[in-house]
Amino acid sequence: MSRDEIELLRSYADGLVLLAERWLARCRWVTGSTRGSGRLFADEPVHDERIAAIVREHVPAGAADWEISWWAPVCLPETAAAARRVLGTLPQSGTVVLLESAQDVDAWCRLIGDVLAALHPHGDCCDAEDGPTSAETWLESLLRPLLVGATAL
């Protein structure tokens, strides 16, 4: 990857972490019935189209809006964790990215899918009159070999 591509990916990953953390900060923890159990809950529906689009990537197709609000506090920490893992694989200098585990590949796949979802919350990436942007085409080109490699693991 070029230095510019690495910096762009770093920017996308940082942006996803920030987006997730800001939304999650508005959730509340509800303690469960057993010691150490509990769950984050959203006090209001998901209004941010980017958040809804990211969550829709990880729930069954056709999920209702209330389901998106239910799953967002579960999905967004995983999105942020994947973005952080990708950040850990990006070189501080040089242009070679080494993915050392299946977890690294999974994190890259999740990050790219979530970035594409956030960029096009209505799923209109390929329906746009001008087609996908060069950044989207580039992200999709990164995803293809990762998916092929993931099925080989």
Protein backbone atom coordinates (compact mmCIF):
# COMPACT_ATOMS: atom_id res chain seq x y z
CA MET A 1 0.00 0.00 0.00
CA SER A 2 1.15 3.54 -0.56
CA ARG A 3 1.72 5.89 2.37
CA ASP A 4 -1.34 7.89 1.28
CA GLU A 5 -3.50 4.74 1.29
CA ILE A 6 -2.25 3.80 4.74
CA GLU A 7 -3.02 7.28 6.04
CA LEU A 8 -6.48 7.19 4.45
CA LEU A 9 -7.21 3.84 6.07
CA ARG A 10 -5.87 5.16 9.38
CA SER A 11 -8.23 8.13 9.06
CA TYR A 12 -11.22 5.88 8.33
CA ALA A 13 -10.39 3.62 11.29
CA ASP A 14 -9.94 6.59 13.64
CA GLY A 15 -13.24 8.01 12.39
CA LEU A 16 -15.12 4.77 13.08
CA VAL A 17 -13.70 4.57 16.60
CA LEU A 18 -14.72 8.16 17.29
CA LEU A 19 -18.21 7.70 15.78
CA ALA A 20 -18.82 4.53 17.81
CA GLU A 21 -17.46 5.95 21.07
CA ARG A 22 -19.48 9.16 20.82
CA TRP A 23 -22.70 7.23 20.22
CA LEU A 24 -21.96 4.67 22.93
CA ALA A 25 -21.27 7.45 25.46
CA ARG A 26 -25.00 8.26 25.33
CA CYS A 27 -25.97 4.70 26.28
CA ARG A 28 -26.52 3.50 29.82
CA TRP A 29 -25.39 0.33 31.52
CA VAL A 30 -28.13 -1.79 33.05
CA THR A 31 -26.90 -4.33 35.57
CA GLY A 32 -28.07 -7.90 35.04
CA SER A 33 -29.53 -10.28 37.57
CA THR A 34 -26.25 -12.13 38.12
CA ARG A 35 -23.03 -10.68 39.40
CA GLY A 36 -20.96 -9.07 36.66
CA SER A 37 -23.71 -9.29 34.06
CA GLY A 38 -25.46 -6.47 32.33
CA ARG A 39 -25.85 -4.71 29.02
CA LEU A 40 -25.58 -1.31 27.43
CA PHE A 41 -28.91 0.16 26.34
CA ALA A 42 -29.70 3.06 24.08
CA ASP A 43 -32.12 5.49 25.71
CA GLU A 44 -33.37 6.65 22.34
CA PRO A 45 -33.66 5.24 18.82
CA VAL A 46 -30.69 5.42 16.48
CA HIS A 47 -31.06 8.66 14.55
CA ASP A 48 -27.61 8.76 12.96
CA GLU A 49 -27.89 7.15 9.53
CA ARG A 50 -24.23 6.10 9.62
CA ILE A 51 -24.71 4.22 12.89
CA ALA A 52 -27.86 2.54 11.58
CA ALA A 53 -26.10 1.52 8.36
CA ILE A 54 -23.15 0.04 10.26
CA VAL A 55 -25.44 -1.95 12.57
CA ARG A 56 -27.54 -3.17 9.61
CA GLU A 57 -24.35 -4.77 8.25
CA HIS A 58 -24.33 -7.09 11.28
CA VAL A 59 -27.99 -7.99 11.85
CA PRO A 60 -30.41 -10.01 9.72
CA ALA A 61 -31.68 -8.29 6.60
CA GLY A 62 -34.92 -6.39 7.09
CA ALA A 63 -34.34 -5.70 10.79
CA ALA A 64 -36.81 -3.16 12.18
CA ASP A 65 -35.65 0.20 13.49
CA TRP A 66 -36.18 -0.91 17.10
CA GLU A 67 -33.88 -3.89 16.43
CA ILE A 68 -31.17 -1.53 15.18
CA SER A 69 -31.44 0.42 18.45
CA TRP A 70 -31.30 -2.85 20.41
CA TRP A 71 -28.21 -4.15 18.59
CA ALA A 72 -26.26 -0.90 18.23
CA PRO A 73 -24.78 -1.08 21.78
CA VAL A 74 -23.58 -4.62 20.96
CA CYS A 75 -22.31 -4.01 17.41
CA LEU A 76 -20.56 -0.67 17.87
CA PRO A 77 -18.00 -1.85 20.47
CA GLU A 78 -17.10 -4.65 18.03
CA THR A 79 -16.77 -2.11 15.21
CA ALA A 80 -14.49 0.06 17.35
CA ALA A 81 -12.43 -2.98 18.40
CA ALA A 82 -11.99 -4.03 14.77
CA ALA A 83 -10.92 -0.51 13.82
CA ARG A 84 -8.39 -0.47 16.67
CA ARG A 85 -7.04 -3.86 15.55
CA VAL A 86 -6.63 -2.55 11.99
CA LEU A 87 -4.82 0.49 13.35
CA GLY A 88 -2.45 -1.91 15.10
CA THR A 89 -1.63 -3.61 11.80
CA LEU A 90 -0.86 -0.39 9.94
CA PRO A 91 2.85 0.35 9.78
CA GLN A 92 4.20 3.51 11.40
CA SER A 93 6.71 3.71 8.59
CA GLY A 94 6.98 1.87 5.34
CA THR A 95 4.17 0.58 3.19
CA VAL A 96 3.94 -3.14 3.96
CA VAL A 97 0.93 -4.32 5.95
CA LEU A 98 1.27 -7.72 7.58
CA LEU A 99 -1.87 -9.52 8.72
CA GLU A 100 -0.67 -12.20 11.12
CA SER A 101 -3.91 -13.90 12.10
CA ALA A 102 -7.45 -14.71 11.06
CA GLN A 103 -8.54 -12.09 13.62
CA ASP A 104 -6.57 -9.46 11.70
CA VAL A 105 -8.31 -10.47 8.47
CA ASP A 106 -11.71 -10.39 10.19
CA ALA A 107 -10.97 -6.93 11.57
CA TRP A 108 -9.97 -5.63 8.13
CA CYS A 109 -13.12 -7.08 6.56
CA ARG A 110 -15.31 -5.56 9.24
CA LEU A 111 -13.60 -2.18 9.03
CA ILE A 112 -13.93 -1.96 5.26
CA GLY A 113 -17.56 -3.09 5.31
CA ASP A 114 -18.42 -0.65 8.08
CA VAL A 115 -16.66 2.25 6.37
CA LEU A 116 -18.51 1.54 3.12
CA ALA A 117 -21.81 1.34 5.04
CA ALA A 118 -21.13 4.63 6.82
CA LEU A 119 -20.19 6.34 3.56
CA HIS A 120 -23.44 5.18 1.96
CA PRO A 121 -26.01 4.66 4.70
CA HIS A 122 -28.82 4.02 2.21
CA GLY A 123 -26.89 1.36 0.32
CA ASP A 124 -26.59 3.64 -2.69
CA CYS A 125 -22.87 3.17 -3.31
CA CYS A 126 -23.22 1.54 -6.70
CA ASP A 127 -26.53 3.19 -7.62
CA ALA A 128 -25.08 6.68 -7.76
CA GLU A 129 -25.16 8.28 -11.19
CA ASP A 130 -21.40 8.68 -11.25
CA GLY A 131 -20.70 5.24 -9.77
CA PRO A 132 -18.51 4.64 -6.74
CA THR A 133 -15.77 7.11 -5.84
CA SER A 134 -12.13 6.16 -6.17
CA ALA A 135 -11.92 5.67 -2.37
CA GLU A 136 -14.86 3.26 -2.44
CA THR A 137 -13.46 1.35 -5.40
CA TRP A 138 -10.12 1.17 -3.59
CA LEU A 139 -11.75 -0.11 -0.39
CA GLU A 140 -13.67 -2.74 -2.34
CA SER A 141 -10.44 -3.81 -4.07
CA LEU A 142 -8.85 -4.29 -0.63
CA LEU A 143 -11.78 -6.36 0.54
CA ARG A 144 -11.85 -8.91 -2.31
CA PRO A 145 -8.54 -10.68 -1.56
CA LEU A 146 -9.29 -10.60 2.18
CA LEU A 147 -12.57 -12.44 1.61
CA VAL A 148 -10.86 -15.03 -0.60
CA GLY A 149 -8.10 -15.47 1.99
CA ALA A 150 -10.63 -15.74 4.84
CA THR A 151 -12.42 -18.63 3.18
CA ALA A 152 -9.06 -20.43 2.84
CA LEU A 153 -8.36 -20.18 6.60
